[in-house]
Structures are given as structure tokens and as C-alpha cells.
Amino acid sequence: MHQAFAVASLGIATFAGMDVVMKGLALELGAYNAIFWRSTFTIVLAGILYWWRSTSWPSLTVVKLHALRGLIVSIMAFLFFWGLKYLPVAEAIG
């Protein structure tokens, strides 16, 4: 029970930290550039991991589906980070 709570808390903290970092990047670089560099880093990292672990490429149909999924996720992420740019970050009141 305590381990599940710790994992959930770590997940929440990770997402909150990512929101703050991406808000700062979106304000500094713009939402488009922030998502471009985030996506570029992710593509390179995923490509290296796939190349290292796999022996063959998936079928063209699978590649097309993943490309479509990647496009949709990139659009969703851009809109999310664009929204973060304009929303204030929550502050703790103590």
C-alpha cells in the first residue's frame, strides 16, 4: 500500500515538474520550438533504443500507423504546452 502511494506521488511530482519546465521553455522559446526540441530528442532516443534492441523493421502498415499516432500526439502536446504558456503555475499558500 505504501509503495503504491510512493509511486503515485512520484508520478504526480514528475508531471508537475515537466509542466513547470515546459512552461519555462514555452515562455523562453515559444511553444512550437519547445515541442519541436522535445519531439526531436524523443525521436532520436527512441530510434537509438529501437535500433539497439530490434533486428528487423516492422511492416510498412505498422510504420504508417505509428507515424499517424506520432503526428496526433505531437499536435496534442503542442496544444497542451501552448496552454501551459498562458495559464499561471499553481502556487502553494502556506
C-alpha atoms as a PDB file:
ATOM      1  CA  MET A   1       0.000   0.000   0.000  1.00  0.00           C
ATOM      2  CA  HIS A   2       2.779   2.448   0.915  1.00  0.00           C
ATOM      3  CA  GLN A   3       4.732   1.569  -2.228  1.00  0.00           C
ATOM      4  CA  ALA A   4       1.722   2.358  -4.432  1.00  0.00           C
ATOM      5  CA  PHE A   5       1.329   5.712  -2.703  1.00  0.00           C
ATOM      6  CA  ALA A   6       5.023   6.480  -3.206  1.00  0.00           C
ATOM      7  CA  VAL A   7       4.872   5.558  -6.900  1.00  0.00           C
ATOM      8  CA  ALA A   8       1.729   7.658  -7.415  1.00  0.00           C
ATOM      9  CA  SER A   9       3.335  10.606  -5.611  1.00  0.00           C
ATOM     10  CA  LEU A  10       6.471  10.293  -7.735  1.00  0.00           C
ATOM     11  CA  GLY A  11       4.348  10.257 -10.895  1.00  0.00           C
ATOM     12  CA  ILE A  12       2.454  13.363  -9.842  1.00  0.00           C
ATOM     13  CA  ALA A  13       5.704  15.150  -8.966  1.00  0.00           C
ATOM     14  CA  THR A  14       7.241  14.159 -12.302  1.00  0.00           C
ATOM     15  CA  PHE A  15       4.305  15.518 -14.295  1.00  0.00           C
ATOM     16  CA  ALA A  16       4.202  18.710 -12.232  1.00  0.00           C
ATOM     17  CA  GLY A  17       7.935  19.182 -12.799  1.00  0.00           C
ATOM     18  CA  MET A  18       7.528  18.596 -16.532  1.00  0.00           C
ATOM     19  CA  ASP A  19       4.744  21.191 -16.626  1.00  0.00           C
ATOM     20  CA  VAL A  20       6.975  23.782 -14.954  1.00  0.00           C
ATOM     21  CA  VAL A  21       9.959  23.020 -17.223  1.00  0.00           C
ATOM     22  CA  MET A  22       7.843  23.109 -20.391  1.00  0.00           C
ATOM     23  CA  LYS A  23       6.118  26.317 -19.265  1.00  0.00           C
ATOM     24  CA  GLY A  24       9.528  27.931 -18.853  1.00  0.00           C
ATOM     25  CA  LEU A  25      10.699  26.637 -22.229  1.00  0.00           C
ATOM     26  CA  ALA A  26       7.471  27.705 -23.933  1.00  0.00           C
ATOM     27  CA  LEU A  27       7.835  31.202 -22.493  1.00  0.00           C
ATOM     28  CA  GLU A  28      11.519  31.386 -23.451  1.00  0.00           C
ATOM     29  CA  LEU A  29      11.482  29.654 -26.847  1.00  0.00           C
ATOM     30  CA  GLY A  30       7.821  29.624 -27.801  1.00  0.00           C
ATOM     31  CA  ALA A  31       5.511  26.619 -27.685  1.00  0.00           C
ATOM     32  CA  TYR A  32       6.399  25.497 -31.219  1.00  0.00           C
ATOM     33  CA  ASN A  33      10.164  25.410 -30.616  1.00  0.00           C
ATOM     34  CA  ALA A  34       9.763  23.775 -27.201  1.00  0.00           C
ATOM     35  CA  ILE A  35       7.667  20.945 -28.637  1.00  0.00           C
ATOM     36  CA  PHE A  36       9.979  20.661 -31.664  1.00  0.00           C
ATOM     37  CA  TRP A  37      13.041  20.069 -29.480  1.00  0.00           C
ATOM     38  CA  ARG A  38      11.122  17.769 -27.144  1.00  0.00           C
ATOM     39  CA  SER A  39       9.903  15.683 -30.088  1.00  0.00           C
ATOM     40  CA  THR A  40      13.321  15.657 -31.771  1.00  0.00           C
ATOM     41  CA  PHE A  41      15.006  14.417 -28.593  1.00  0.00           C
ATOM     42  CA  THR A  42      12.327  11.742 -28.156  1.00  0.00           C
ATOM     43  CA  ILE A  43      12.608  10.528 -31.764  1.00  0.00           C
ATOM     44  CA  VAL A  44      16.395  10.243 -31.531  1.00  0.00           C
ATOM     45  CA  LEU A  45      16.265   8.443 -28.172  1.00  0.00           C
ATOM     46  CA  ALA A  46      13.503   6.052 -29.291  1.00  0.00           C
ATOM     47  CA  GLY A  47      15.334   5.389 -32.573  1.00  0.00           C
ATOM     48  CA  ILE A  48      18.556   4.504 -30.775  1.00  0.00           C
ATOM     49  CA  LEU A  49      16.734   2.206 -28.339  1.00  0.00           C
ATOM     50  CA  TYR A  50      14.803   0.524 -31.169  1.00  0.00           C
ATOM     51  CA  TRP A  51      17.945   0.060 -33.268  1.00  0.00           C
ATOM     52  CA  TRP A  52      19.799  -1.389 -30.279  1.00  0.00           C
ATOM     53  CA  ARG A  53      17.054  -3.880 -29.304  1.00  0.00           C
ATOM     54  CA  SER A  54      15.470  -4.910 -32.593  1.00  0.00           C
ATOM     55  CA  THR A  55      16.704  -6.968 -35.511  1.00  0.00           C
ATOM     56  CA  SER A  56      14.103  -6.103 -38.142  1.00  0.00           C
ATOM     57  CA  TRP A  57      11.829  -3.215 -39.060  1.00  0.00           C
ATOM     58  CA  PRO A  58       8.058  -3.576 -38.685  1.00  0.00           C
ATOM     59  CA  SER A  59       5.812  -3.712 -41.729  1.00  0.00           C
ATOM     60  CA  LEU A  60       5.001  -0.534 -43.663  1.00  0.00           C
ATOM     61  CA  THR A  61       1.424  -0.601 -42.325  1.00  0.00           C
ATOM     62  CA  VAL A  62       2.693  -0.570 -38.740  1.00  0.00           C
ATOM     63  CA  VAL A  63       5.148   2.244 -39.519  1.00  0.00           C
ATOM     64  CA  LYS A  64       2.340   4.324 -41.085  1.00  0.00           C
ATOM     65  CA  LEU A  65       0.115   3.801 -38.035  1.00  0.00           C
ATOM     66  CA  HIS A  66       2.921   4.837 -35.689  1.00  0.00           C
ATOM     67  CA  ALA A  67       3.664   7.900 -37.839  1.00  0.00           C
ATOM     68  CA  LEU A  68      -0.018   8.909 -37.652  1.00  0.00           C
ATOM     69  CA  ARG A  69      -0.022   8.314 -33.896  1.00  0.00           C
ATOM     70  CA  GLY A  70       3.136  10.406 -33.560  1.00  0.00           C
ATOM     71  CA  LEU A  71       1.575  13.259 -35.529  1.00  0.00           C
ATOM     72  CA  ILE A  72      -1.566  13.226 -33.376  1.00  0.00           C
ATOM     73  CA  VAL A  73       0.455  13.082 -30.137  1.00  0.00           C
ATOM     74  CA  SER A  74       2.667  15.958 -31.332  1.00  0.00           C
ATOM     75  CA  ILE A  75      -0.387  18.115 -32.073  1.00  0.00           C
ATOM     76  CA  MET A  76      -1.889  17.272 -28.679  1.00  0.00           C
ATOM     77  CA  ALA A  77       1.402  18.048 -26.909  1.00  0.00           C
ATOM     78  CA  PHE A  78       1.767  21.352 -28.778  1.00  0.00           C
ATOM     79  CA  LEU A  79      -1.723  22.430 -27.748  1.00  0.00           C
ATOM     80  CA  PHE A  80      -1.106  21.322 -24.155  1.00  0.00           C
ATOM     81  CA  PHE A  81       2.181  23.231 -23.885  1.00  0.00           C
ATOM     82  CA  TRP A  82       0.709  26.239 -25.669  1.00  0.00           C
ATOM     83  CA  GLY A  83      -1.996  26.264 -22.986  1.00  0.00           C
ATOM     84  CA  LEU A  84       0.651  25.973 -20.259  1.00  0.00           C
ATOM     85  CA  LYS A  85       2.303  29.069 -21.675  1.00  0.00           C
ATOM     86  CA  TYR A  86      -0.778  31.165 -20.931  1.00  0.00           C
ATOM     87  CA  LEU A  87      -2.001  29.575 -17.677  1.00  0.00           C
ATOM     88  CA  PRO A  88      -0.407  30.566 -14.385  1.00  0.00           C
ATOM     89  CA  VAL A  89       1.533  27.926 -12.451  1.00  0.00           C
ATOM     90  CA  ALA A  90      -0.192  26.998  -9.183  1.00  0.00           C
ATOM     91  CA  GLU A  91       1.461  28.331  -6.059  1.00  0.00           C
ATOM     92  CA  ALA A  92       1.281  26.821  -2.591  1.00  0.00           C
ATOM     93  CA  ILE A  93      -0.195  29.103   0.048  1.00  0.00           C
ATOM     94  CA  GLY A  94       1.230  28.364   3.433  1.00  0.00           C
END
